[in-house]
């Protein structure tokens, strides 16, 4: 059995065949899918889809991509939703810091730190987004004394960075990046990660696998990512698969 720990199945790219994709996932043994929140406008849709498709599990958060219109009322609305859904939400996220986008850096820092504090108040794990921002993210997590863990989504980086997150209670999200031979640093790091800290993800419809650039990514690719992972690891296949599944349950809640 598999869990896709990060999939935006709610995005419009799946509007034409969402049910068929999820049926195919079931046939492939992908029995649970974590849907991270990115923007207030999508939250009600996520809630509706989780009622329609019981294999979906929701997180809610404000992604740095969507901070262009951010103000404190957004934070209040997020807190209200989390309080209402506290018995079913698996994490606060997807939140983080991204140095590649044009969103104001000070705004990103303010929104990220506020959401980390909110997760701490609600005792929720976090789903983390990062791009060229590991140092700043780790610094804020330590400053906030955040100790509810979560998942570092779409990890790319060194073993040293991965271990810094693991020390704070986070699992490492492994996706299509490892199918690219040029991602040598990340692939080498993943070889040495503790088995208890590895989770699988697709980030569908984004983060395409090698050879599929420009094509919609899909949660049905979880077994392909797992196969790539198994070539990097020494554990027996069944043990690795079981650990990847259990680690999501251990690092999120209500999965």
Protein backbone atom coordinates (compact mmCIF):
# COMPACT_ATOMS: atom_id res chain seq x y z
CA UNK A 1 0.00 0.00 0.00
CA UNK A 2 1.05 3.58 -0.64
CA UNK A 3 0.24 7.11 0.51
CA UNK A 4 0.90 10.12 -1.69
CA UNK A 5 1.90 12.60 1.00
CA UNK A 6 1.60 15.65 -1.26
CA UNK A 7 -0.78 15.92 -4.20
CA UNK A 8 -2.87 18.85 -5.45
CA UNK A 9 -5.61 16.63 -6.86
CA UNK A 10 -8.00 19.56 -6.28
CA UNK A 11 -6.29 21.69 -8.95
CA UNK A 12 -8.11 22.38 -12.20
CA UNK A 13 -5.75 20.13 -14.20
CA UNK A 14 -7.72 17.18 -12.76
CA UNK A 15 -11.22 18.57 -13.30
CA UNK A 16 -11.79 16.41 -16.39
CA UNK A 17 -10.77 13.03 -14.98
CA UNK A 18 -10.30 13.31 -11.20
CA UNK A 19 -12.53 10.33 -10.40
CA UNK A 20 -10.82 8.15 -12.99
CA UNK A 21 -7.37 9.09 -11.67
CA UNK A 22 -8.38 8.23 -8.10
CA UNK A 23 -9.87 4.92 -9.24
CA UNK A 24 -6.58 4.10 -10.94
CA UNK A 25 -4.75 5.03 -7.74
CA UNK A 26 -6.89 2.56 -5.81
CA UNK A 27 -6.04 -0.18 -8.31
CA UNK A 28 -2.34 0.61 -7.86
CA UNK A 29 -2.56 0.36 -4.07
CA UNK A 30 -2.44 4.12 -3.42
CA UNK A 31 -5.07 4.24 -0.71
CA UNK A 32 -4.59 7.69 0.80
CA UNK A 33 -3.68 11.06 -0.68
CA UNK A 34 -2.75 14.17 1.31
CA UNK A 35 -4.07 17.37 -0.29
CA UNK A 36 -2.17 20.44 0.97
CA UNK A 37 -3.93 23.79 1.06
CA UNK A 38 -2.45 26.70 -0.84
CA UNK A 39 -5.02 29.51 -0.91
CA UNK A 40 -8.17 30.49 0.97
CA UNK A 41 -10.25 30.30 -2.21
CA UNK A 42 -9.53 26.57 -2.57
CA UNK A 43 -10.35 25.44 0.97
CA UNK A 44 -14.09 24.87 0.51
CA UNK A 45 -13.38 22.89 -2.65
CA UNK A 46 -10.92 20.71 -0.71
CA UNK A 47 -13.54 20.06 1.96
CA UNK A 48 -16.12 19.11 -0.67
CA UNK A 49 -13.72 16.76 -2.46
CA UNK A 50 -12.78 15.00 0.78
CA UNK A 51 -16.47 14.27 1.36
CA UNK A 52 -16.78 12.91 -2.18
CA UNK A 53 -13.55 10.89 -2.16
CA UNK A 54 -12.86 9.39 1.30
CA UNK A 55 -9.26 8.55 0.40
CA UNK A 56 -8.38 12.27 0.45
CA UNK A 57 -6.98 13.96 3.55
CA UNK A 58 -6.74 17.74 3.84
CA UNK A 59 -4.18 20.20 5.14
CA UNK A 60 -4.82 23.94 5.09
CA UNK A 61 -2.32 26.75 4.77
CA UNK A 62 -1.35 29.78 2.69
CA UNK A 63 1.40 28.97 0.19
CA UNK A 64 4.02 31.68 -0.49
CA UNK A 65 2.92 31.79 -4.15
CA UNK A 66 -0.45 33.20 -3.05
CA UNK A 67 0.71 35.96 -0.72
CA UNK A 68 0.31 38.76 -3.26
CA UNK A 69 -3.00 39.81 -1.67
CA UNK A 70 -2.17 38.62 1.86
CA UNK A 71 -3.32 40.52 4.93
CA UNK A 72 -4.13 39.67 8.53
CA UNK A 73 -7.74 38.78 7.70
CA UNK A 74 -6.43 35.78 5.74
CA UNK A 75 -4.73 34.54 8.87
CA UNK A 76 -7.93 34.97 10.89
CA UNK A 77 -9.92 32.98 8.32
CA UNK A 78 -7.32 30.20 8.34
CA UNK A 79 -7.42 30.03 12.15
CA UNK A 80 -11.23 29.86 12.11
CA UNK A 81 -11.16 27.00 9.59
CA UNK A 82 -8.51 25.05 11.50
CA UNK A 83 -10.49 25.39 14.71
CA UNK A 84 -13.59 24.12 12.92
CA UNK A 85 -11.77 21.20 11.25
CA UNK A 86 -9.28 20.34 13.98
CA UNK A 87 -10.58 16.77 14.23
CA UNK A 88 -9.88 15.97 10.59
CA UNK A 89 -7.12 18.25 9.31
CA UNK A 90 -3.79 16.40 9.00
CA UNK A 91 -1.45 19.41 9.13
CA UNK A 92 -1.08 23.13 8.56
CA UNK A 93 0.33 23.64 5.11
CA UNK A 94 1.58 24.02 2.54
CA UNK A 95 3.59 26.92 3.94
CA UNK A 96 7.16 28.05 3.58
CA UNK A 97 9.65 30.41 1.99
CA UNK A 98 10.64 30.74 -1.66
CA UNK A 99 13.49 32.92 -2.87
CA UNK A 100 12.78 32.25 -6.54
CA UNK A 101 9.35 33.91 -6.80
CA UNK A 102 8.71 37.66 -6.89
CA UNK A 103 6.55 37.78 -3.75
CA UNK A 104 7.99 40.29 -1.26
CA UNK A 105 10.47 38.54 1.04
CA UNK A 106 9.41 40.41 4.18
CA UNK A 107 5.81 39.45 3.47
CA UNK A 108 6.85 35.81 3.10
CA UNK A 109 8.73 35.88 6.40
CA UNK A 110 5.79 37.49 8.22
CA UNK A 111 3.22 35.04 6.84
CA UNK A 112 5.41 31.99 7.41
CA UNK A 113 6.29 32.84 10.99
CA UNK A 114 2.65 33.64 11.78
CA UNK A 115 1.53 30.27 10.40
CA UNK A 116 4.26 28.41 12.29
CA UNK A 117 3.00 30.04 15.49
CA UNK A 118 -0.56 29.09 14.53
CA UNK A 119 0.46 25.46 13.99
CA UNK A 120 2.15 25.53 17.38
CA UNK A 121 -1.00 26.90 19.03
CA UNK A 122 -3.17 24.23 17.39
CA UNK A 123 -0.54 21.52 18.02
CA UNK A 124 -0.49 20.68 14.31
CA UNK A 125 2.37 19.38 12.19
CA UNK A 126 3.49 21.46 9.20
CA UNK A 127 3.90 20.70 5.50
CA UNK A 128 6.88 22.79 4.40
CA UNK A 129 7.60 24.39 1.01
CA UNK A 130 11.16 25.53 0.35
CA UNK A 131 13.26 26.92 -2.46
CA UNK A 132 16.73 28.19 -1.65
CA UNK A 133 15.45 28.89 1.87
CA UNK A 134 16.45 26.01 4.15
CA UNK A 135 18.56 28.19 6.44
CA UNK A 136 15.80 30.73 7.04
CA UNK A 137 13.12 28.07 7.54
CA UNK A 138 15.22 26.16 10.04
CA UNK A 139 16.05 29.36 11.90
CA UNK A 140 12.38 30.32 12.26
CA UNK A 141 11.36 26.81 13.35
CA UNK A 142 14.01 26.93 16.07
CA UNK A 143 13.16 30.50 17.12
CA UNK A 144 9.49 29.52 17.46
CA UNK A 145 10.47 26.39 19.39
CA UNK A 146 8.22 24.45 17.05
CA UNK A 147 8.18 20.77 18.01
CA UNK A 148 5.18 19.21 16.23
CA UNK A 149 7.15 18.11 13.18
CA UNK A 150 5.60 17.41 9.81
CA UNK A 151 6.94 16.86 6.29
CA UNK A 152 9.52 18.75 4.26
CA UNK A 153 7.83 18.68 0.87
CA UNK A 154 9.79 18.00 -2.31
CA UNK A 155 13.12 17.80 -0.54
CA UNK A 156 16.25 18.74 -2.40
CA UNK A 157 19.46 19.33 -0.53
CA UNK A 158 22.26 17.72 1.39
CA UNK A 159 22.19 15.03 4.06
CA UNK A 160 23.24 17.68 6.60
CA UNK A 161 20.16 19.78 5.80
CA UNK A 162 17.88 16.73 5.84
CA UNK A 163 19.20 15.72 9.25
CA UNK A 164 18.59 19.23 10.59
CA UNK A 165 14.90 18.83 9.74
CA UNK A 166 14.79 15.28 11.07
CA UNK A 167 16.22 16.54 14.37
CA UNK A 168 13.19 18.86 14.56
CA UNK A 169 10.76 15.98 14.04
CA UNK A 170 10.19 16.25 10.28
CA UNK A 171 10.00 13.55 7.64
CA UNK A 172 11.57 14.06 4.23
CA UNK A 173 9.23 14.15 1.23
CA UNK A 174 10.66 12.29 -1.76
CA UNK A 175 9.24 12.86 -5.22
CA UNK A 176 10.14 12.98 -8.88
CA UNK A 177 13.45 14.74 -8.23
CA UNK A 178 15.13 11.42 -7.53
CA UNK A 179 14.31 10.17 -11.04
CA UNK A 180 16.81 12.70 -12.45
CA UNK A 181 20.44 11.48 -12.37
CA UNK A 182 21.64 15.10 -12.25
CA UNK A 183 20.06 15.47 -8.77
CA UNK A 184 23.14 13.78 -7.37
CA UNK A 185 23.32 15.62 -4.03
CA UNK A 186 19.70 14.82 -3.19
CA UNK A 187 19.97 11.22 -4.35
CA UNK A 188 23.07 10.70 -2.24
CA UNK A 189 21.40 12.23 0.80
CA UNK A 190 18.37 9.97 0.43
CA UNK A 191 20.58 6.88 0.43
CA UNK A 192 21.59 7.69 4.00
CA UNK A 193 18.33 8.93 5.52
CA UNK A 194 16.89 7.03 8.48
CA UNK A 195 14.18 4.66 7.25
CA UNK A 196 11.79 6.24 9.75
CA UNK A 197 12.05 9.64 8.02
CA UNK A 198 11.12 8.85 4.39
CA UNK A 199 7.74 9.58 2.80
CA UNK A 200 6.64 9.46 -0.85
CA UNK A 201 4.96 12.26 -2.78
CA UNK A 202 4.20 13.39 -6.32
CA UNK A 203 3.29 17.10 -5.96
CA UNK A 204 0.95 16.40 -8.88
CA UNK A 205 0.15 18.08 -11.20
CA UNK A 206 3.65 19.58 -10.77
CA UNK A 207 7.15 18.08 -10.33
CA UNK A 208 7.12 15.79 -13.40
CA UNK A 209 9.24 12.66 -13.47
CA UNK A 210 12.23 12.32 -15.74
CA UNK A 211 11.13 11.90 -19.34
CA UNK A 212 7.73 13.48 -18.64
CA UNK A 213 8.64 17.15 -18.61
CA UNK A 214 5.72 19.23 -19.84
CA UNK A 215 3.23 16.46 -19.03
CA UNK A 216 0.76 16.63 -16.13
CA UNK A 217 2.13 14.73 -13.16
CA UNK A 218 -0.29 12.37 -11.43
CA UNK A 219 -0.59 10.49 -8.12
CA UNK A 220 -0.55 7.27 -10.17
CA UNK A 221 3.22 7.84 -10.43
CA UNK A 222 3.82 7.00 -6.76
CA UNK A 223 4.88 3.40 -7.61
CA UNK A 224 7.39 4.77 -10.15
CA UNK A 225 8.90 7.07 -7.53
CA UNK A 226 8.98 4.19 -5.07
CA UNK A 227 10.84 2.06 -7.60
CA UNK A 228 13.42 4.84 -8.02
CA UNK A 229 13.73 5.10 -4.24
CA UNK A 230 14.21 1.36 -3.84
CA UNK A 231 17.22 1.46 -6.19
CA UNK A 232 18.86 3.97 -3.83
CA UNK A 233 18.14 2.09 -0.61
CA UNK A 234 19.33 -1.21 0.87
CA UNK A 235 16.13 -2.31 2.63
CA UNK A 236 13.97 -5.14 1.28
CA UNK A 237 11.20 -3.73 -0.91
CA UNK A 238 8.36 -4.74 1.40
CA UNK A 239 10.05 -3.21 4.44
CA UNK A 240 10.69 0.06 2.58
CA UNK A 241 7.13 0.26 1.28
CA UNK A 242 5.65 -0.38 4.72
CA UNK A 243 7.89 2.27 6.28
CA UNK A 244 6.99 4.92 3.69
CA UNK A 245 3.30 4.33 4.44
CA UNK A 246 3.66 4.28 8.20
CA UNK A 247 5.93 7.35 8.28
CA UNK A 248 3.15 9.54 6.86
CA UNK A 249 0.83 8.38 9.63
CA UNK A 250 3.57 9.03 12.20
CA UNK A 251 4.41 12.56 11.03
CA UNK A 252 0.91 13.86 10.29
CA UNK A 253 -2.33 13.37 12.24
CA UNK A 254 -5.76 11.94 11.39
CA UNK A 255 -4.32 10.19 8.32
